[in-house]
Amino acid sequence: MLGVAVGDLRSRPVGFQQAVALRVSAEDVPDLGLAGDLEVRGTATNLGEDGVRVDLQVEAVLLRECARCLRDVELPIDTEAEETFHDSGDEPLITLDTIDLEPVIHEAVVLAEPMRVLCSPDCRGLCPKCGKDWNEGPCDCTDDEPDPRLAALAKLLPPREE
């Protein structure tokens, strides 16, 4: 659990703020695929009977694969998150004067990720025939063989003169 103690904060006047600072190692949240530590900074604000609001700045470097060439890519993430926690109702979110920030942090990181990760905007990808990385140079494959899915259309074309 990535918790922050708010017992002292809850005893303070409404509007009182407390600093939040966490450094989380990649081993503590293995499902995020971190390349290094995750840093969280922010504030927790006492809202009185309405609970505690937490405003966070989340920074991390994720390890992902390029969508075209499958190389490892380090993807820096810098995002914000905000959540209000309460200690009453059907599912209290503040237990034993501690707030579990892991779901908030996890959601912030996942939502900050791009839908498609590329090692560079001009990544050329892999050859669909031999699998060679075109970023390292051309392969020896030829385009002489027509696509078998288009064979019926090729019959409609006049024969090529060579």
C-alpha atoms as a PDB file:
ATOM      1  CA  MET A   1       0.000   0.000   0.000  1.00  0.00           C
ATOM      2  CA  LEU A   2       1.255   3.455  -0.911  1.00  0.00           C
ATOM      3  CA  GLY A   3      -0.281   5.242   2.023  1.00  0.00           C
ATOM      4  CA  VAL A   4      -0.042   8.686   3.505  1.00  0.00           C
ATOM      5  CA  ALA A   5      -0.906   9.356   7.156  1.00  0.00           C
ATOM      6  CA  VAL A   6      -3.597  11.991   7.605  1.00  0.00           C
ATOM      7  CA  GLY A   7      -4.473  11.529  11.301  1.00  0.00           C
ATOM      8  CA  ASP A   8      -2.743  14.758  12.324  1.00  0.00           C
ATOM      9  CA  LEU A   9      -4.226  16.584   9.333  1.00  0.00           C
ATOM     10  CA  ARG A  10      -7.777  15.570  10.293  1.00  0.00           C
ATOM     11  CA  SER A  11      -7.356  17.130  13.751  1.00  0.00           C
ATOM     12  CA  ARG A  12      -6.366  20.487  12.210  1.00  0.00           C
ATOM     13  CA  PRO A  13      -8.762  23.243  11.072  1.00  0.00           C
ATOM     14  CA  VAL A  14     -10.642  22.965   7.792  1.00  0.00           C
ATOM     15  CA  GLY A  15      -8.434  24.096   4.924  1.00  0.00           C
ATOM     16  CA  PHE A  16      -5.182  23.062   6.613  1.00  0.00           C
ATOM     17  CA  GLN A  17      -2.730  21.502   4.169  1.00  0.00           C
ATOM     18  CA  GLN A  18      -0.044  18.869   4.593  1.00  0.00           C
ATOM     19  CA  ALA A  19       2.742  18.101   2.121  1.00  0.00           C
ATOM     20  CA  VAL A  20       2.763  14.698   0.433  1.00  0.00           C
ATOM     21  CA  ALA A  21       6.026  13.270  -0.893  1.00  0.00           C
ATOM     22  CA  LEU A  22       6.586   9.662  -1.935  1.00  0.00           C
ATOM     23  CA  ARG A  23       9.334   7.892  -3.820  1.00  0.00           C
ATOM     24  CA  VAL A  24       8.176   4.498  -5.036  1.00  0.00           C
ATOM     25  CA  SER A  25      10.521   1.868  -6.437  1.00  0.00           C
ATOM     26  CA  ALA A  26       9.647  -0.189  -9.501  1.00  0.00           C
ATOM     27  CA  GLU A  27       9.437  -3.330  -7.340  1.00  0.00           C
ATOM     28  CA  ASP A  28       6.628  -1.807  -5.244  1.00  0.00           C
ATOM     29  CA  VAL A  29       4.342  -1.363  -8.276  1.00  0.00           C
ATOM     30  CA  PRO A  30       5.445  -4.026 -10.793  1.00  0.00           C
ATOM     31  CA  ASP A  31       2.293  -3.761 -12.916  1.00  0.00           C
ATOM     32  CA  LEU A  32       3.195  -0.232 -14.089  1.00  0.00           C
ATOM     33  CA  GLY A  33       6.396  -1.297 -15.878  1.00  0.00           C
ATOM     34  CA  LEU A  34       8.602   1.413 -14.428  1.00  0.00           C
ATOM     35  CA  ALA A  35      12.143   1.944 -15.687  1.00  0.00           C
ATOM     36  CA  GLY A  36      13.097   3.628 -12.404  1.00  0.00           C
ATOM     37  CA  ASP A  37      11.547   5.199  -9.347  1.00  0.00           C
ATOM     38  CA  LEU A  38       8.198   6.940  -9.381  1.00  0.00           C
ATOM     39  CA  GLU A  39       8.043  10.301  -7.592  1.00  0.00           C
ATOM     40  CA  VAL A  40       4.884  11.774  -6.108  1.00  0.00           C
ATOM     41  CA  ARG A  41       4.611  15.290  -4.680  1.00  0.00           C
ATOM     42  CA  GLY A  42       1.600  17.274  -3.640  1.00  0.00           C
ATOM     43  CA  THR A  43      -0.679  18.335  -0.851  1.00  0.00           C
ATOM     44  CA  ALA A  44      -3.447  16.848   1.273  1.00  0.00           C
ATOM     45  CA  THR A  45      -6.117  19.329   2.372  1.00  0.00           C
ATOM     46  CA  ASN A  46      -8.500  18.860   5.299  1.00  0.00           C
ATOM     47  CA  LEU A  47     -12.082  19.349   4.083  1.00  0.00           C
ATOM     48  CA  GLY A  48     -13.647  18.722   7.485  1.00  0.00           C
ATOM     49  CA  GLU A  49     -16.687  16.433   7.269  1.00  0.00           C
ATOM     50  CA  ASP A  50     -16.178  16.113   3.505  1.00  0.00           C
ATOM     51  CA  GLY A  51     -12.902  14.232   4.018  1.00  0.00           C
ATOM     52  CA  VAL A  52      -9.454  14.942   2.604  1.00  0.00           C
ATOM     53  CA  ARG A  53      -8.578  16.180  -0.890  1.00  0.00           C
ATOM     54  CA  VAL A  54      -5.248  15.114  -2.319  1.00  0.00           C
ATOM     55  CA  ASP A  55      -3.615  16.984  -5.220  1.00  0.00           C
ATOM     56  CA  LEU A  56      -0.629  15.120  -6.669  1.00  0.00           C
ATOM     57  CA  GLN A  57       2.106  15.612  -9.251  1.00  0.00           C
ATOM     58  CA  VAL A  58       3.288  12.202 -10.508  1.00  0.00           C
ATOM     59  CA  GLU A  59       6.581  11.735 -12.393  1.00  0.00           C
ATOM     60  CA  ALA A  60       7.894   8.440 -13.702  1.00  0.00           C
ATOM     61  CA  VAL A  61       9.777   6.823 -16.551  1.00  0.00           C
ATOM     62  CA  LEU A  62       7.997   3.820 -18.035  1.00  0.00           C
ATOM     63  CA  LEU A  63       9.600   1.029 -20.025  1.00  0.00           C
ATOM     64  CA  ARG A  64       7.548   0.198 -23.128  1.00  0.00           C
ATOM     65  CA  GLU A  65       8.026  -1.341 -26.599  1.00  0.00           C
ATOM     66  CA  CYS A  66       7.979   0.642 -29.818  1.00  0.00           C
ATOM     67  CA  ALA A  67       4.786  -0.188 -31.717  1.00  0.00           C
ATOM     68  CA  ARG A  68       6.697  -0.466 -35.019  1.00  0.00           C
ATOM     69  CA  CYS A  69      10.119  -2.011 -34.320  1.00  0.00           C
ATOM     70  CA  LEU A  70       9.607  -3.539 -30.832  1.00  0.00           C
ATOM     71  CA  ARG A  71      12.680  -1.820 -29.351  1.00  0.00           C
ATOM     72  CA  ASP A  72      12.572  -0.877 -25.667  1.00  0.00           C
ATOM     73  CA  VAL A  73      11.566   2.753 -25.165  1.00  0.00           C
ATOM     74  CA  GLU A  74      11.883   4.819 -21.997  1.00  0.00           C
ATOM     75  CA  LEU A  75       8.741   6.940 -21.797  1.00  0.00           C
ATOM     76  CA  PRO A  76       8.777   9.879 -19.350  1.00  0.00           C
ATOM     77  CA  ILE A  77       5.439  10.625 -17.683  1.00  0.00           C
ATOM     78  CA  ASP A  78       4.640  13.855 -15.828  1.00  0.00           C
ATOM     79  CA  THR A  79       0.985  14.138 -14.846  1.00  0.00           C
ATOM     80  CA  GLU A  80      -1.370  15.449 -12.194  1.00  0.00           C
ATOM     81  CA  ALA A  81      -4.033  13.673 -10.137  1.00  0.00           C
ATOM     82  CA  GLU A  82      -6.703  14.841  -7.744  1.00  0.00           C
ATOM     83  CA  GLU A  83      -8.936  12.770  -5.488  1.00  0.00           C
ATOM     84  CA  THR A  84     -11.203  13.364  -2.493  1.00  0.00           C
ATOM     85  CA  PHE A  85     -11.175  10.715   0.227  1.00  0.00           C
ATOM     86  CA  HIS A  86     -13.823  10.269   2.907  1.00  0.00           C
ATOM     87  CA  ASP A  87     -14.175   8.127   6.013  1.00  0.00           C
ATOM     88  CA  SER A  88     -17.912   7.514   5.975  1.00  0.00           C
ATOM     89  CA  GLY A  89     -20.421   5.861   3.683  1.00  0.00           C
ATOM     90  CA  ASP A  90     -20.558   2.372   2.239  1.00  0.00           C
ATOM     91  CA  GLU A  91     -16.862   2.158   1.355  1.00  0.00           C
ATOM     92  CA  PRO A  92     -14.692   4.386   3.535  1.00  0.00           C
ATOM     93  CA  LEU A  93     -11.524   5.436   1.722  1.00  0.00           C
ATOM     94  CA  ILE A  94      -9.687   6.576   4.854  1.00  0.00           C
ATOM     95  CA  THR A  95      -8.840   3.675   7.138  1.00  0.00           C
ATOM     96  CA  LEU A  96      -6.877   3.977  10.379  1.00  0.00           C
ATOM     97  CA  ASP A  97      -6.063   7.606   9.494  1.00  0.00           C
ATOM     98  CA  THR A  98      -4.237   6.489   6.344  1.00  0.00           C
ATOM     99  CA  ILE A  99      -5.092   7.094   2.687  1.00  0.00           C
ATOM    100  CA  ASP A 100      -4.094   4.495   0.100  1.00  0.00           C
ATOM    101  CA  LEU A 101      -2.775   6.480  -2.874  1.00  0.00           C
ATOM    102  CA  GLU A 102      -1.895   3.471  -5.029  1.00  0.00           C
ATOM    103  CA  PRO A 103      -5.158   3.439  -7.062  1.00  0.00           C
ATOM    104  CA  VAL A 104      -4.915   7.191  -7.699  1.00  0.00           C
ATOM    105  CA  ILE A 105      -1.269   6.970  -8.757  1.00  0.00           C
ATOM    106  CA  HIS A 106      -1.909   3.912 -10.936  1.00  0.00           C
ATOM    107  CA  GLU A 107      -4.827   5.590 -12.715  1.00  0.00           C
ATOM    108  CA  ALA A 108      -2.863   8.803 -13.294  1.00  0.00           C
ATOM    109  CA  VAL A 109       0.067   6.943 -14.872  1.00  0.00           C
ATOM    110  CA  VAL A 110      -2.114   4.751 -17.082  1.00  0.00           C
ATOM    111  CA  LEU A 111      -4.163   7.712 -18.319  1.00  0.00           C
ATOM    112  CA  ALA A 112      -1.006   9.708 -19.099  1.00  0.00           C
ATOM    113  CA  GLU A 113       0.412   7.016 -21.386  1.00  0.00           C
ATOM    114  CA  PRO A 114       0.043   7.596 -25.130  1.00  0.00           C
ATOM    115  CA  MET A 115      -2.037   5.061 -27.037  1.00  0.00           C
ATOM    116  CA  ARG A 116       0.895   4.272 -29.318  1.00  0.00           C
ATOM    117  CA  VAL A 117       4.537   4.394 -28.240  1.00  0.00           C
ATOM    118  CA  LEU A 118       7.221   4.957 -30.885  1.00  0.00           C
ATOM    119  CA  CYS A 119      10.992   4.978 -30.395  1.00  0.00           C
ATOM    120  CA  SER A 120      11.090   7.968 -32.772  1.00  0.00           C
ATOM    121  CA  PRO A 121       8.501   9.656 -34.999  1.00  0.00           C
ATOM    122  CA  ASP A 122      10.288   8.408 -38.126  1.00  0.00           C
ATOM    123  CA  CYS A 123      10.664   4.756 -37.000  1.00  0.00           C
ATOM    124  CA  ARG A 124      10.538   2.569 -40.105  1.00  0.00           C
ATOM    125  CA  GLY A 125       9.448  -0.636 -38.338  1.00  0.00           C
ATOM    126  CA  LEU A 126      10.115  -4.254 -39.269  1.00  0.00           C
ATOM    127  CA  CYS A 127       9.997  -6.023 -42.629  1.00  0.00           C
ATOM    128  CA  PRO A 128       6.760  -8.054 -42.712  1.00  0.00           C
ATOM    129  CA  LYS A 129       8.493 -10.880 -44.589  1.00  0.00           C
ATOM    130  CA  CYS A 130      11.840 -11.418 -42.858  1.00  0.00           C
ATOM    131  CA  GLY A 131      11.473  -9.330 -39.694  1.00  0.00           C
ATOM    132  CA  LYS A 132      14.592  -7.197 -40.239  1.00  0.00           C
ATOM    133  CA  ASP A 133      14.589  -3.835 -38.489  1.00  0.00           C
ATOM    134  CA  TRP A 134      14.374  -1.270 -41.299  1.00  0.00           C
ATOM    135  CA  ASN A 135      15.913   1.367 -38.998  1.00  0.00           C
ATOM    136  CA  GLU A 136      19.209  -0.530 -39.355  1.00  0.00           C
ATOM    137  CA  GLY A 137      19.011  -0.636 -43.143  1.00  0.00           C
ATOM    138  CA  PRO A 138      17.083  -2.309 -45.950  1.00  0.00           C
ATOM    139  CA  CYS A 139      16.561  -6.050 -46.100  1.00  0.00           C
ATOM    140  CA  ASP A 140      17.101  -8.436 -49.030  1.00  0.00           C
ATOM    141  CA  CYS A 141      13.409  -9.168 -49.564  1.00  0.00           C
ATOM    142  CA  THR A 142      11.922  -8.396 -52.956  1.00  0.00           C
ATOM    143  CA  ASP A 143       8.459  -7.246 -53.873  1.00  0.00           C
ATOM    144  CA  ASP A 144       8.279  -9.525 -56.946  1.00  0.00           C
ATOM    145  CA  GLU A 145       5.642 -11.765 -55.451  1.00  0.00           C
ATOM    146  CA  PRO A 146       2.199 -10.187 -55.589  1.00  0.00           C
ATOM    147  CA  ASP A 147      -0.002 -10.209 -52.537  1.00  0.00           C
ATOM    148  CA  PRO A 148      -2.084 -13.426 -52.751  1.00  0.00           C
ATOM    149  CA  ARG A 149      -5.108 -11.523 -51.426  1.00  0.00           C
ATOM    150  CA  LEU A 150      -5.069  -9.426 -54.605  1.00  0.00           C
ATOM    151  CA  ALA A 151      -4.593 -12.321 -57.055  1.00  0.00           C
ATOM    152  CA  ALA A 152      -8.164 -12.066 -58.368  1.00  0.00           C
ATOM    153  CA  LEU A 153      -7.689  -8.371 -59.150  1.00  0.00           C
ATOM    154  CA  ALA A 154      -4.389  -9.064 -60.912  1.00  0.00           C
ATOM    155  CA  LYS A 155      -6.264 -11.173 -63.471  1.00  0.00           C
ATOM    156  CA  LEU A 156      -8.205  -8.084 -64.526  1.00  0.00           C
ATOM    157  CA  LEU A 157      -5.018  -6.191 -65.453  1.00  0.00           C
ATOM    158  CA  PRO A 158      -3.408  -6.566 -68.864  1.00  0.00           C
ATOM    159  CA  PRO A 159      -0.181  -8.600 -68.820  1.00  0.00           C
ATOM    160  CA  ARG A 160       2.986  -6.614 -68.189  1.00  0.00           C
ATOM    161  CA  GLU A 161       5.567  -6.344 -70.893  1.00  0.00           C
ATOM    162  CA  GLU A 162       9.119  -6.930 -69.778  1.00  0.00           C
END
